[in-house]
Amino acid sequence: MNSWMTHLPILPVVIPMVVGALMLALRDQYRTAGVVVGVISVLAQFCVAVALFGITTGRIPNDYENHIMVYLLGNWRAPFGIVLVADQLSAIMLMLTAILGLCSLLYSTALWDRAGVFFHPLFQFILMGLNGAFLTGDLFNLFVFFEIFLAASYGLALHGSGMARVAAGLHYVTVNLIASFLLLIAISVLYGITGTLNMADLGLRAATLAGDDRRLFEAACAILGVAFLIKAGAWPLNFWLTSAYSAAVAPVAALFAIMSKVGIYALLRIGSLLLPTGAPAAFSGDWMYVIGLATLLFGTLGILSEKNSGRLVGYCIIMSSGTLLTALGMPSVILTGPSLFYMLSSVLVTSTFFYLIELIKRTETFGGNVLAISLEAFSAEDQDKSDYSGTVVGKPIPFALAFLGLAFFICALVIAGMPPFSGFIAKFALLSKALDLSETDAASTTSVWLFVIAMLISGMATVIALGRAGIRMFWSDEQLKPPVLSRREAFPITLLLLLCIGLTVFAGPVMDQLSLTAKQLDDPGAYMKAVLNTRPAFALPHGGTQ
């Protein structure tokens, strides 16, 4: 393999970091150039993610152990130095992040990137933090990357002004600061007990703990788990999510859809490494199952009682988090592959839904009020008219109302898990594997049937809630007016829906690949061996190694 390809794992962090810093220097005087550079940055991140996926799945020939790429920053070997680790799961999450980043960036150029300051650099820093969180191999840098994308998200959550946005944004900031504080406390205690923060090394050292040290280790992991559950939107720690996500501008809310999955990714990653030595209660299947089931029930009740369209999507995200936590809490790896398929489908469709909700509001007679208030708050009338007129930039597309109606219908079917789209395939696979588990493990029969019933009820509730919302949006308003819809806004919606359809058409190969990813997760020894056995790329001048 070419020597330059060994540096691929660092590029998803370096590219948005450099581009974001450049955009801060350029400010808004060169907005068009900033947009072009931003799009190139996201496309480059996607290309790197595809290359990493090819390497980690063995499609690109390489000599990495178990096709797991380990990048030693500063040429210090683990566990003493910082490492970035790319395996199949992290590569998939990187591709998903880049796709959502590209769609949100393109969508924002029609209007929202001009409704406030520093939109583009903050957007790049969110991508930097997300990419780093999926790649990092140690807990402290997981905290660092969490703080990078959260700090940027604080600014973007308030982007566009407005009282409702500011109030919801302050709740979002406060809750996530508390979660970060808990995360830092847990990491400090874990380092004090084990003497390491490297995830692979932590999995090995946990096996040597006993007595008071083990109990303190369990307590630290409990705090760590609470911090991740807050970020995952799990009940009862998700009271902030629906308001914050619905108040954010559409391209930001769409990117937030994957941020809630970072907490689930962290639970899955760390839990898989601690499982061989006895996973602490916070990362064990029993607790994840109970919390996931409660989250799913909370989301179901919320979506039935909610009439605000933006908050409806927030409850859909909560339901998806509950479904994932419940499925991943089941005592078998056979549900992990379908869970990953469900995650891909749900993230794509909920992001699309945020775009749609903002566009559908334009069909209402008062639909332009929020946009006008946001632009006025930033003295838009003093700026160049073409950029700050309060109107969408670009040529309107014909049949806009029919396009929005069809897109809403497809999104509703995918979220509800109705045939023939990817949501149905994901839920059918989850239920099928769960029933298979009940046949091979009699002890899990009750858990399986509770999961099946909860899934069916949540699907029925989603059909009722979204059907009611569709009727209210498209049929009940006598003064419905055709919206002004730019191709820049239609393209991201079309792309994400085509990806959902692609997941449907190629469900077999995708599910096979995700099953292989699940098997790799179920073999933490391969991850530990790859990380701890990777040697520095070159020797020090005196001839030794670090």
Protein backbone atom coordinates (compact mmCIF):
# COMPACT_ATOMS: atom_id res chain seq x y z
CA MET A 1 0.00 0.00 0.00
CA ASN A 2 1.25 3.51 -0.82
CA SER A 3 2.91 5.33 2.07
CA TRP A 4 0.58 8.31 1.77
CA MET A 5 -2.40 6.08 2.45
CA THR A 6 -1.05 5.33 5.92
CA HIS A 7 -2.01 8.92 6.83
CA LEU A 8 -5.66 8.51 5.84
CA PRO A 9 -7.01 8.19 9.42
CA ILE A 10 -5.78 11.68 10.37
CA LEU A 11 -7.26 13.43 7.32
CA PRO A 12 -10.93 13.48 8.48
CA VAL A 13 -9.72 15.53 11.45
CA VAL A 14 -7.11 17.69 9.74
CA ILE A 15 -9.14 18.69 6.67
CA PRO A 16 -12.10 20.34 8.47
CA MET A 17 -9.77 21.80 11.10
CA VAL A 18 -7.62 23.59 8.51
CA VAL A 19 -10.60 24.65 6.40
CA GLY A 20 -12.48 25.94 9.45
CA ALA A 21 -9.46 27.99 10.57
CA LEU A 22 -9.10 29.37 7.03
CA MET A 23 -12.76 30.39 6.99
CA LEU A 24 -12.34 32.23 10.29
CA ALA A 25 -9.53 34.23 8.69
CA LEU A 26 -11.57 34.96 5.55
CA ARG A 27 -14.69 35.91 7.55
CA ASP A 28 -17.73 36.83 5.46
CA GLN A 29 -16.03 39.07 2.90
CA TYR A 30 -15.36 36.06 0.68
CA ARG A 31 -18.52 34.08 1.36
CA THR A 32 -18.73 32.49 -2.10
CA ALA A 33 -15.14 31.29 -1.88
CA GLY A 34 -15.86 29.97 1.60
CA VAL A 35 -18.82 27.97 0.34
CA VAL A 36 -16.75 26.44 -2.46
CA VAL A 37 -13.92 25.53 -0.08
CA GLY A 38 -16.43 24.09 2.38
CA VAL A 39 -18.02 21.84 -0.25
CA ILE A 40 -14.58 20.68 -1.40
CA SER A 41 -13.68 19.93 2.23
CA VAL A 42 -16.75 17.76 2.77
CA LEU A 43 -16.25 15.95 -0.54
CA ALA A 44 -12.63 15.26 0.44
CA GLN A 45 -13.78 13.87 3.79
CA PHE A 46 -16.22 11.59 2.00
CA CYS A 47 -13.51 10.32 -0.34
CA VAL A 48 -11.22 9.60 2.62
CA ALA A 49 -14.05 7.79 4.42
CA VAL A 50 -14.70 5.63 1.34
CA ALA A 51 -11.00 4.80 1.12
CA LEU A 52 -10.94 3.85 4.81
CA PHE A 53 -14.00 1.69 4.29
CA GLY A 54 -12.26 -0.06 1.40
CA ILE A 55 -9.18 -0.72 3.52
CA THR A 56 -11.01 -1.88 6.65
CA THR A 57 -13.20 -4.28 4.66
CA GLY A 58 -10.23 -5.64 2.69
CA ARG A 59 -11.51 -4.36 -0.66
CA ILE A 60 -8.32 -2.31 -0.95
CA PRO A 61 -5.34 -4.64 -0.44
CA ASN A 62 -3.40 -3.86 2.73
CA ASP A 63 -1.20 -5.54 5.32
CA TYR A 64 -2.96 -4.21 8.42
CA GLU A 65 -3.77 -6.79 11.07
CA ASN A 66 -7.44 -7.74 10.68
CA HIS A 67 -7.70 -4.75 8.30
CA ILE A 68 -7.78 -2.34 11.27
CA MET A 69 -5.81 0.85 10.60
CA VAL A 70 -4.00 2.32 13.61
CA TYR A 71 -2.43 5.76 13.34
CA LEU A 72 0.14 6.71 15.99
CA LEU A 73 0.19 10.46 16.47
CA GLY A 74 3.68 11.73 17.26
CA ASN A 75 4.99 8.25 16.41
CA TRP A 76 4.37 7.11 20.02
CA ARG A 77 3.04 3.59 20.31
CA ALA A 78 -0.05 2.73 22.33
CA PRO A 79 -0.91 2.98 25.14
CA PHE A 80 1.53 5.85 25.77
CA GLY A 81 0.59 8.01 22.81
CA ILE A 82 -2.58 9.19 21.10
CA VAL A 83 -3.98 6.77 18.54
CA LEU A 84 -6.63 6.98 15.87
CA VAL A 85 -8.23 3.67 14.93
CA ALA A 86 -10.20 3.01 11.76
CA ASP A 87 -12.22 -0.18 11.60
CA GLN A 88 -15.39 -1.02 9.70
CA LEU A 89 -17.78 0.68 12.12
CA SER A 90 -15.82 3.93 12.32
CA ALA A 91 -15.47 4.05 8.51
CA ILE A 92 -19.24 3.61 8.09
CA MET A 93 -19.91 6.41 10.57
CA LEU A 94 -17.42 8.65 8.77
CA MET A 95 -19.21 8.10 5.44
CA LEU A 96 -22.58 8.81 7.03
CA THR A 97 -21.24 12.02 8.62
CA ALA A 98 -19.79 13.23 5.32
CA ILE A 99 -23.05 12.56 3.45
CA LEU A 100 -25.11 14.48 6.00
CA GLY A 101 -22.48 17.23 6.08
CA LEU A 102 -22.62 17.67 2.31
CA CYS A 103 -26.42 17.75 2.24
CA SER A 104 -26.69 20.23 5.10
CA LEU A 105 -24.01 22.47 3.63
CA LEU A 106 -25.70 22.59 0.22
CA TYR A 107 -29.10 23.20 1.80
CA SER A 108 -27.76 26.06 3.92
CA THR A 109 -26.40 27.97 0.91
CA ALA A 110 -29.96 28.74 -0.23
CA LEU A 111 -30.64 30.88 2.81
CA TRP A 112 -29.49 29.95 6.29
CA ASP A 113 -25.72 30.43 6.01
CA ARG A 114 -26.42 34.18 5.67
CA ALA A 115 -28.74 34.42 8.69
CA GLY A 116 -25.88 34.77 11.17
CA VAL A 117 -22.11 34.88 11.52
CA PHE A 118 -19.45 32.17 11.38
CA PHE A 119 -21.82 29.50 10.05
CA HIS A 120 -19.28 27.83 7.77
CA PRO A 121 -16.30 27.61 10.17
CA LEU A 122 -18.55 26.28 12.96
CA PHE A 123 -19.96 23.76 10.52
CA GLN A 124 -16.46 22.49 9.70
CA PHE A 125 -15.56 22.23 13.39
CA ILE A 126 -18.65 20.10 14.04
CA LEU A 127 -17.49 17.73 11.30
CA MET A 128 -14.00 17.71 12.79
CA GLY A 129 -15.34 16.75 16.23
CA LEU A 130 -17.67 14.06 14.88
CA ASN A 131 -14.94 12.50 12.74
CA GLY A 132 -12.49 12.54 15.62
CA ALA A 133 -15.00 10.95 18.00
CA PHE A 134 -15.52 8.06 15.59
CA LEU A 135 -11.77 7.55 15.08
CA THR A 136 -10.17 8.14 18.46
CA GLY A 137 -8.76 5.21 20.38
CA ASP A 138 -8.57 6.73 23.85
CA LEU A 139 -11.11 8.18 26.28
CA PHE A 140 -9.56 11.59 26.88
CA ASN A 141 -9.45 12.44 23.20
CA LEU A 142 -13.01 11.16 22.92
CA PHE A 143 -13.83 13.86 25.48
CA VAL A 144 -11.82 16.42 23.50
CA PHE A 145 -13.61 15.66 20.24
CA PHE A 146 -16.95 15.66 22.05
CA GLU A 147 -16.19 19.17 23.26
CA ILE A 148 -15.10 20.33 19.81
CA PHE A 149 -18.32 19.37 18.08
CA LEU A 150 -20.43 20.43 21.07
CA ALA A 151 -18.79 23.85 21.29
CA ALA A 152 -19.43 24.40 17.59
CA SER A 153 -22.98 23.08 17.93
CA TYR A 154 -23.68 25.63 20.69
CA GLY A 155 -23.10 28.42 18.19
CA LEU A 156 -25.10 26.76 15.43
CA ALA A 157 -27.99 25.88 17.78
CA LEU A 158 -28.41 29.64 18.30
CA HIS A 159 -27.83 30.50 14.63
CA GLY A 160 -30.61 32.65 13.21
CA SER A 161 -31.69 34.32 16.48
CA GLY A 162 -35.28 34.28 17.81
CA MET A 163 -36.53 33.91 21.39
CA ALA A 164 -37.59 30.26 21.04
CA ARG A 165 -34.24 29.33 19.51
CA VAL A 166 -32.28 31.12 22.22
CA ALA A 167 -34.31 29.55 25.05
CA ALA A 168 -34.04 26.01 23.62
CA GLY A 169 -30.39 26.57 22.78
CA LEU A 170 -29.56 27.59 26.35
CA HIS A 171 -31.18 24.40 27.66
CA TYR A 172 -29.17 22.42 25.12
CA VAL A 173 -25.93 24.11 26.18
CA THR A 174 -26.60 23.64 29.90
CA VAL A 175 -27.48 19.95 29.71
CA ASN A 176 -24.52 19.11 27.50
CA LEU A 177 -22.13 21.02 29.74
CA ILE A 178 -23.35 18.89 32.65
CA ALA A 179 -22.85 15.75 30.54
CA SER A 180 -19.33 16.88 29.66
CA PHE A 181 -18.58 17.52 33.33
CA LEU A 182 -19.73 13.99 34.21
CA LEU A 183 -17.65 12.59 31.35
CA LEU A 184 -14.53 14.35 32.60
CA ILE A 185 -15.08 13.13 36.17
CA ALA A 186 -15.49 9.54 34.96
CA ILE A 187 -12.37 9.72 32.80
CA SER A 188 -10.33 11.13 35.69
CA VAL A 189 -11.41 8.33 38.03
CA LEU A 190 -10.76 5.65 35.42
CA TYR A 191 -7.25 6.97 34.84
CA GLY A 192 -6.58 7.08 38.57
CA ILE A 193 -7.61 3.42 38.93
CA THR A 194 -6.20 1.84 35.78
CA GLY A 195 -3.37 4.19 34.85
CA THR A 196 -4.49 4.30 31.21
CA LEU A 197 -7.07 5.95 28.98
CA ASN A 198 -6.36 3.93 25.86
CA MET A 199 -9.56 1.98 25.15
CA ALA A 200 -7.78 -1.20 24.11
CA ASP A 201 -5.46 -1.12 27.10
CA LEU A 202 -8.38 -0.28 29.40
CA GLY A 203 -10.13 -3.45 28.31
CA LEU A 204 -7.08 -5.49 29.34
CA ARG A 205 -6.42 -3.74 32.66
CA ALA A 206 -10.05 -3.98 33.75
CA ALA A 207 -9.56 -7.74 34.06
CA THR A 208 -6.89 -7.23 36.75
CA LEU A 209 -9.06 -5.10 39.05
CA ALA A 210 -10.56 -6.56 42.20
CA GLY A 211 -12.07 -5.46 45.50
CA ASP A 212 -12.38 -1.73 46.09
CA ASP A 213 -10.62 -0.89 42.83
CA ARG A 214 -13.18 -2.90 40.87
CA ARG A 215 -16.08 -1.25 42.69
CA LEU A 216 -14.63 2.21 42.04
CA PHE A 217 -14.11 1.22 38.41
CA GLU A 218 -17.78 0.21 38.19
CA ALA A 219 -18.84 3.54 39.69
CA ALA A 220 -16.71 5.48 37.20
CA CYS A 221 -18.17 3.48 34.31
CA ALA A 222 -21.67 4.25 35.62
CA ILE A 223 -20.92 7.98 35.47
CA LEU A 224 -19.42 7.50 32.01
CA GLY A 225 -22.53 5.65 30.88
CA VAL A 226 -24.82 8.42 32.17
CA ALA A 227 -22.85 11.01 30.17
CA PHE A 228 -23.17 8.94 26.98
CA LEU A 229 -26.88 8.31 27.59
CA ILE A 230 -27.49 12.05 27.91
CA LYS A 231 -25.82 12.61 24.56
CA ALA A 232 -27.75 9.67 23.05
CA GLY A 233 -31.09 11.18 24.07
CA ALA A 234 -32.07 8.32 26.39
CA TRP A 235 -34.93 8.61 28.88
CA PRO A 236 -35.13 10.26 31.39
CA LEU A 237 -32.24 12.46 30.28
CA ASN A 238 -33.70 13.60 26.95
CA PHE A 239 -36.10 16.35 27.99
CA TRP A 240 -33.93 18.91 26.19
CA LEU A 241 -33.74 17.18 22.80
CA THR A 242 -37.05 17.90 21.10
CA SER A 243 -37.04 21.62 21.88
CA ALA A 244 -33.39 22.13 20.93
CA TYR A 245 -33.57 20.17 17.67
CA SER A 246 -36.88 21.67 16.54
CA ALA A 247 -35.73 25.23 17.28
CA ALA A 248 -32.46 24.91 15.34
CA VAL A 249 -32.41 25.93 11.68
CA ALA A 250 -33.06 23.04 9.28
CA PRO A 251 -29.49 22.31 8.06
CA VAL A 252 -28.18 22.37 11.62
CA ALA A 253 -30.97 20.17 12.99
CA ALA A 254 -30.35 17.69 10.17
CA LEU A 255 -26.71 17.40 11.20
CA PHE A 256 -27.75 17.08 14.85
CA ALA A 257 -29.56 13.85 13.89
CA ILE A 258 -26.23 12.01 13.85
CA MET A 259 -24.91 13.70 17.00
CA SER A 260 -27.32 11.72 19.17
CA LYS A 261 -25.86 8.54 17.67
CA VAL A 262 -22.35 9.44 18.87
CA GLY A 263 -23.43 8.52 22.40
CA ILE A 264 -24.72 5.15 21.19
CA TYR A 265 -21.50 4.62 19.22
CA ALA A 266 -19.45 5.28 22.38
CA LEU A 267 -21.56 2.85 24.42
CA LEU A 268 -21.19 0.21 21.72
CA ARG A 269 -17.45 0.73 21.25
CA ILE A 270 -16.44 0.81 24.91
CA GLY A 271 -18.94 -1.86 25.90
CA SER A 272 -17.55 -4.26 23.30
CA LEU A 273 -14.00 -3.78 24.62
CA LEU A 274 -15.01 -4.29 28.26
CA LEU A 275 -17.30 -7.26 27.60
CA PRO A 276 -14.63 -10.04 27.74
CA THR A 277 -13.63 -9.04 31.27
CA GLY A 278 -17.18 -8.52 32.47
CA ALA A 279 -18.81 -5.31 31.28
CA PRO A 280 -19.73 -2.88 34.07
CA ALA A 281 -23.44 -2.40 34.72
CA ALA A 282 -23.52 0.83 32.71
CA PHE A 283 -22.37 -1.02 29.59
CA SER A 284 -24.14 -4.31 30.17
CA GLY A 285 -27.03 -5.47 28.04
CA ASP A 286 -29.53 -5.56 30.91
CA TRP A 287 -29.34 -1.85 31.66
CA MET A 288 -29.19 -0.81 28.02
CA TYR A 289 -32.25 -2.93 27.32
CA VAL A 290 -34.32 -1.42 30.15
CA ILE A 291 -33.31 2.16 29.38
CA GLY A 292 -33.87 1.60 25.67
CA LEU A 293 -37.34 0.18 26.24
CA ALA A 294 -38.26 3.15 28.47
CA THR A 295 -36.90 5.56 25.85
CA LEU A 296 -38.91 3.86 23.12
CA LEU A 297 -42.08 4.11 25.23
CA PHE A 298 -41.41 7.77 26.01
CA GLY A 299 -40.88 8.56 22.33
CA THR A 300 -44.09 6.72 21.42
CA LEU A 301 -46.16 8.69 23.92
CA GLY A 302 -44.47 11.91 22.87
CA ILE A 303 -45.10 11.48 19.17
CA LEU A 304 -48.79 10.76 19.81
CA SER A 305 -49.25 13.85 21.97
CA GLU A 306 -47.16 16.29 19.91
CA LYS A 307 -48.62 18.62 17.27
CA ASN A 308 -45.58 20.75 16.53
CA SER A 309 -44.00 19.32 13.37
CA GLY A 310 -40.41 20.04 14.37
CA ARG A 311 -40.81 18.39 17.76
CA LEU A 312 -42.39 15.38 16.03
CA VAL A 313 -39.06 14.75 14.31
CA GLY A 314 -37.31 15.11 17.66
CA TYR A 315 -39.49 12.35 19.10
CA CYS A 316 -38.69 10.22 16.04
CA ILE A 317 -35.00 10.59 16.94
CA ILE A 318 -35.75 9.60 20.54
CA MET A 319 -37.64 6.53 19.31
CA SER A 320 -34.72 5.54 17.09
CA SER A 321 -32.32 5.88 20.04
CA GLY A 322 -34.66 3.76 22.16
CA THR A 323 -34.89 1.10 19.46
CA LEU A 324 -31.11 0.95 19.12
CA LEU A 325 -30.46 0.78 22.86
CA THR A 326 -33.07 -1.95 23.30
CA ALA A 327 -31.77 -4.03 20.39
CA LEU A 328 -28.12 -3.63 21.37
CA GLY A 329 -29.03 -4.57 24.94
CA MET A 330 -30.29 -7.98 23.82
CA PRO A 331 -27.92 -10.84 24.80
CA SER A 332 -26.64 -11.68 21.32
CA VAL A 333 -24.58 -10.18 18.53
CA ILE A 334 -27.11 -11.28 15.90
CA LEU A 335 -29.11 -8.07 16.45
CA THR A 336 -26.11 -5.77 16.01
CA GLY A 337 -26.06 -5.97 12.20
CA PRO A 338 -29.79 -5.15 11.81
CA SER A 339 -29.37 -2.41 14.45
CA LEU A 340 -26.66 -0.75 12.35
CA PHE A 341 -28.90 -1.00 9.27
CA TYR A 342 -31.73 0.60 11.25
CA MET A 343 -29.38 3.36 12.42
CA LEU A 344 -28.34 4.22 8.85
CA SER A 345 -31.95 4.35 7.69
CA SER A 346 -33.21 6.38 10.65
CA VAL A 347 -30.41 8.96 10.53
CA LEU A 348 -30.88 9.54 6.80
CA VAL A 349 -34.66 9.90 7.00
CA THR A 350 -34.83 12.06 10.14
CA SER A 351 -32.28 14.44 8.60
CA THR A 352 -34.44 14.63 5.49
CA PHE A 353 -37.49 15.29 7.63
CA PHE A 354 -35.90 18.37 9.20
CA TYR A 355 -35.37 19.84 5.73
CA LEU A 356 -38.94 19.06 4.75
CA ILE A 357 -40.54 20.56 7.83
CA GLU A 358 -38.84 23.90 7.23
CA LEU A 359 -39.90 23.92 3.58
CA ILE A 360 -43.47 22.85 4.29
CA LYS A 361 -43.84 25.76 6.72
CA ARG A 362 -43.44 28.05 3.73
CA THR A 363 -46.76 26.80 2.39
CA GLU A 364 -48.47 28.44 5.36
CA THR A 365 -49.52 32.05 5.14
CA PHE A 366 -47.20 32.97 8.02
CA GLY A 367 -44.34 30.78 6.80
CA GLY A 368 -41.91 33.60 6.09
CA ASN A 369 -42.11 35.23 9.52
CA VAL A 370 -39.32 33.24 11.16
CA LEU A 371 -36.97 33.85 8.24
CA ALA A 372 -37.72 37.57 8.20
CA ILE A 373 -37.16 37.90 11.96
CA SER A 374 -33.85 36.03 11.78
CA LEU A 375 -32.51 38.15 8.94
CA GLU A 376 -33.73 41.39 10.51
CA ALA A 377 -31.97 40.51 13.77
CA PHE A 378 -28.66 40.55 11.91
CA SER A 379 -29.37 43.86 10.09
CA ALA A 380 -29.91 42.06 6.84
CA GLU A 381 -31.28 45.16 5.13
CA ASP A 382 -27.87 46.84 5.34
CA GLN A 383 -26.18 44.07 3.40
CA ASP A 384 -26.03 43.18 -0.25
CA LYS A 385 -29.61 42.72 -1.44
CA SER A 386 -29.04 39.46 -3.33
CA ASP A 387 -27.60 37.80 -0.26
CA TYR A 388 -29.75 39.27 2.50
CA SER A 389 -33.16 39.83 0.95
CA GLY A 390 -34.88 37.15 3.02
CA THR A 391 -35.64 35.12 -0.10
CA VAL A 392 -34.24 31.79 -1.16
CA VAL A 393 -31.28 31.99 -3.51
CA GLY A 394 -31.56 29.98 -6.71
CA LYS A 395 -34.24 29.17 -9.26
CA PRO A 396 -37.50 27.75 -7.90
CA ILE A 397 -38.32 24.25 -9.09
CA PRO A 398 -41.69 23.47 -10.67
CA PHE A 399 -44.34 21.40 -8.91
CA ALA A 400 -42.75 22.25 -5.54
CA LEU A 401 -45.83 21.38 -3.50
CA ALA A 402 -46.16 17.95 -5.15
CA PHE A 403 -42.45 17.32 -4.51
CA LEU A 404 -42.81 18.15 -0.83
CA GLY A 405 -45.91 15.98 -0.48
CA LEU A 406 -44.26 12.96 -2.09
CA ALA A 407 -41.08 13.41 -0.04
CA PHE A 408 -43.13 13.67 3.16
CA PHE A 409 -45.03 10.49 2.26
CA ILE A 410 -41.80 8.53 1.69
CA CYS A 411 -40.26 9.84 4.92
CA ALA A 412 -43.36 8.86 6.89
CA LEU A 413 -43.26 5.32 5.48
CA VAL A 414 -39.54 4.91 6.25
CA ILE A 415 -39.83 6.22 9.82
CA ALA A 416 -42.92 4.15 10.57
CA GLY A 417 -41.29 1.02 9.15
CA MET A 418 -43.91 0.46 6.48
CA PRO A 419 -43.13 -1.45 3.27
CA PRO A 420 -41.44 -1.28 0.89
CA PHE A 421 -38.70 1.06 2.09
CA SER A 422 -35.57 0.64 4.21
CA GLY A 423 -37.34 1.32 7.50
CA PHE A 424 -39.51 -1.75 6.98
CA ILE A 425 -36.52 -3.92 6.12
CA ALA A 426 -34.62 -2.69 9.20
CA LYS A 427 -37.50 -3.33 11.60
CA PHE A 428 -38.36 -6.67 9.98
CA ALA A 429 -34.72 -7.78 10.35
CA LEU A 430 -34.66 -6.68 14.00
CA LEU A 431 -37.89 -8.52 14.83
CA SER A 432 -36.86 -11.62 12.88
CA LYS A 433 -33.48 -11.87 14.62
CA ALA A 434 -35.10 -11.21 17.99
CA LEU A 435 -37.55 -14.08 17.47
CA ASP A 436 -34.67 -16.32 16.39
CA LEU A 437 -32.92 -15.40 19.64
CA SER A 438 -35.96 -16.45 21.71
CA GLU A 439 -35.80 -19.90 20.11
CA THR A 440 -32.13 -20.43 20.97
CA ASP A 441 -32.12 -18.69 24.36
CA ALA A 442 -35.20 -19.47 26.44
CA ALA A 443 -34.13 -17.02 29.16
CA SER A 444 -34.53 -14.10 26.76
CA THR A 445 -38.09 -14.96 25.65
CA THR A 446 -39.77 -12.31 27.83
CA SER A 447 -37.31 -9.62 26.75
CA VAL A 448 -37.79 -10.53 23.10
CA TRP A 449 -41.57 -10.32 23.23
CA LEU A 450 -41.51 -7.02 25.10
CA PHE A 451 -39.22 -5.69 22.38
CA VAL A 452 -41.50 -7.00 19.62
CA ILE A 453 -44.61 -5.48 21.21
CA ALA A 454 -42.85 -2.14 21.78
CA MET A 455 -41.67 -2.05 18.17
CA LEU A 456 -45.15 -2.78 16.81
CA ILE A 457 -46.84 -0.22 19.05
CA SER A 458 -44.25 2.46 18.22
CA GLY A 459 -44.72 1.79 14.51
CA MET A 460 -48.49 2.12 14.81
CA ALA A 461 -48.12 5.32 16.83
CA THR A 462 -45.79 6.75 14.17
CA VAL A 463 -48.30 6.01 11.41
CA ILE A 464 -51.05 7.77 13.37
CA ALA A 465 -48.93 10.78 14.33
CA LEU A 466 -47.34 11.38 10.93
CA GLY A 467 -50.61 10.71 9.09
CA ARG A 468 -52.30 13.30 11.27
CA ALA A 469 -49.43 15.73 10.68
CA GLY A 470 -49.59 15.22 6.91
CA ILE A 471 -53.31 15.91 6.84
CA ARG A 472 -52.83 19.06 8.89
CA MET A 473 -49.95 20.30 6.72
CA PHE A 474 -51.31 19.60 3.25
CA TRP A 475 -55.10 19.31 3.44
CA SER A 476 -56.49 21.32 6.34
CA ASP A 477 -55.14 24.77 5.43
CA GLU A 478 -57.47 26.48 2.98
CA GLN A 479 -54.89 29.20 2.27
CA LEU A 480 -52.06 26.82 1.41
CA LYS A 481 -49.71 28.50 -1.03
CA PRO A 482 -47.02 27.03 -3.32
CA PRO A 483 -43.62 27.46 -1.63
CA VAL A 484 -40.52 29.01 -3.15
CA LEU A 485 -38.17 26.05 -3.37
CA SER A 486 -34.61 26.23 -4.63
CA ARG A 487 -32.80 23.39 -6.37
CA ARG A 488 -30.16 23.75 -3.67
CA GLU A 489 -32.81 22.71 -1.16
CA ALA A 490 -34.41 20.02 -3.30
CA PHE A 491 -31.12 18.27 -4.12
CA PRO A 492 -30.22 17.24 -0.51
CA ILE A 493 -33.74 15.91 0.07
CA THR A 494 -33.64 13.96 -3.18
CA LEU A 495 -30.17 12.57 -2.47
CA LEU A 496 -31.03 11.35 1.04
CA LEU A 497 -34.29 9.76 -0.12
CA LEU A 498 -32.45 8.05 -2.97
CA LEU A 499 -30.00 6.67 -0.41
CA CYS A 500 -32.93 5.28 1.59
CA ILE A 501 -34.25 3.70 -1.61
CA GLY A 502 -30.74 2.39 -2.30
CA LEU A 503 -30.71 0.76 1.13
CA THR A 504 -33.98 -0.90 0.14
CA VAL A 505 -32.79 -2.15 -3.25
CA PHE A 506 -29.39 -3.33 -1.98
CA ALA A 507 -30.58 -4.44 1.44
CA GLY A 508 -29.01 -7.89 1.08
CA PRO A 509 -25.40 -6.80 0.41
CA VAL A 510 -25.65 -3.94 2.92
CA MET A 511 -27.00 -6.25 5.62
CA ASP A 512 -24.25 -8.80 4.90
CA GLN A 513 -21.60 -6.12 5.26
CA LEU A 514 -23.09 -4.80 8.50
CA SER A 515 -23.21 -8.35 9.86
CA LEU A 516 -19.47 -8.59 9.20
CA THR A 517 -19.05 -5.27 11.01
CA ALA A 518 -21.00 -6.69 13.95
CA LYS A 519 -18.74 -9.75 14.03
CA GLN A 520 -15.67 -7.51 14.10
CA LEU A 521 -17.16 -5.65 17.07
CA ASP A 522 -17.81 -8.98 18.77
CA ASP A 523 -14.08 -9.77 18.54
CA PRO A 524 -12.51 -7.09 20.76
CA GLY A 525 -9.30 -9.10 20.92
CA ALA A 526 -8.59 -8.24 17.29
CA TYR A 527 -9.06 -4.51 18.03
CA MET A 528 -6.81 -4.67 21.11
CA LYS A 529 -4.14 -6.63 19.28
CA ALA A 530 -4.13 -4.23 16.33
CA VAL A 531 -3.83 -1.16 18.58
CA LEU A 532 -1.27 -2.45 21.08
CA ASN A 533 0.91 -4.27 18.53
CA THR A 534 1.26 -1.40 16.08
CA ARG A 535 4.81 -0.12 16.12
CA PRO A 536 6.08 3.39 15.27
CA ALA A 537 6.60 4.11 11.60
CA PHE A 538 10.30 4.87 12.09
CA ALA A 539 13.00 4.56 14.74
CA LEU A 540 14.34 7.47 16.74
CA PRO A 541 17.74 8.91 15.72
CA HIS A 542 19.51 6.95 18.48
CA GLY A 543 18.16 3.74 16.97
CA GLY A 544 15.53 2.85 19.56
CA THR A 545 11.79 3.00 19.42
CA GLN A 546 9.35 4.88 21.57
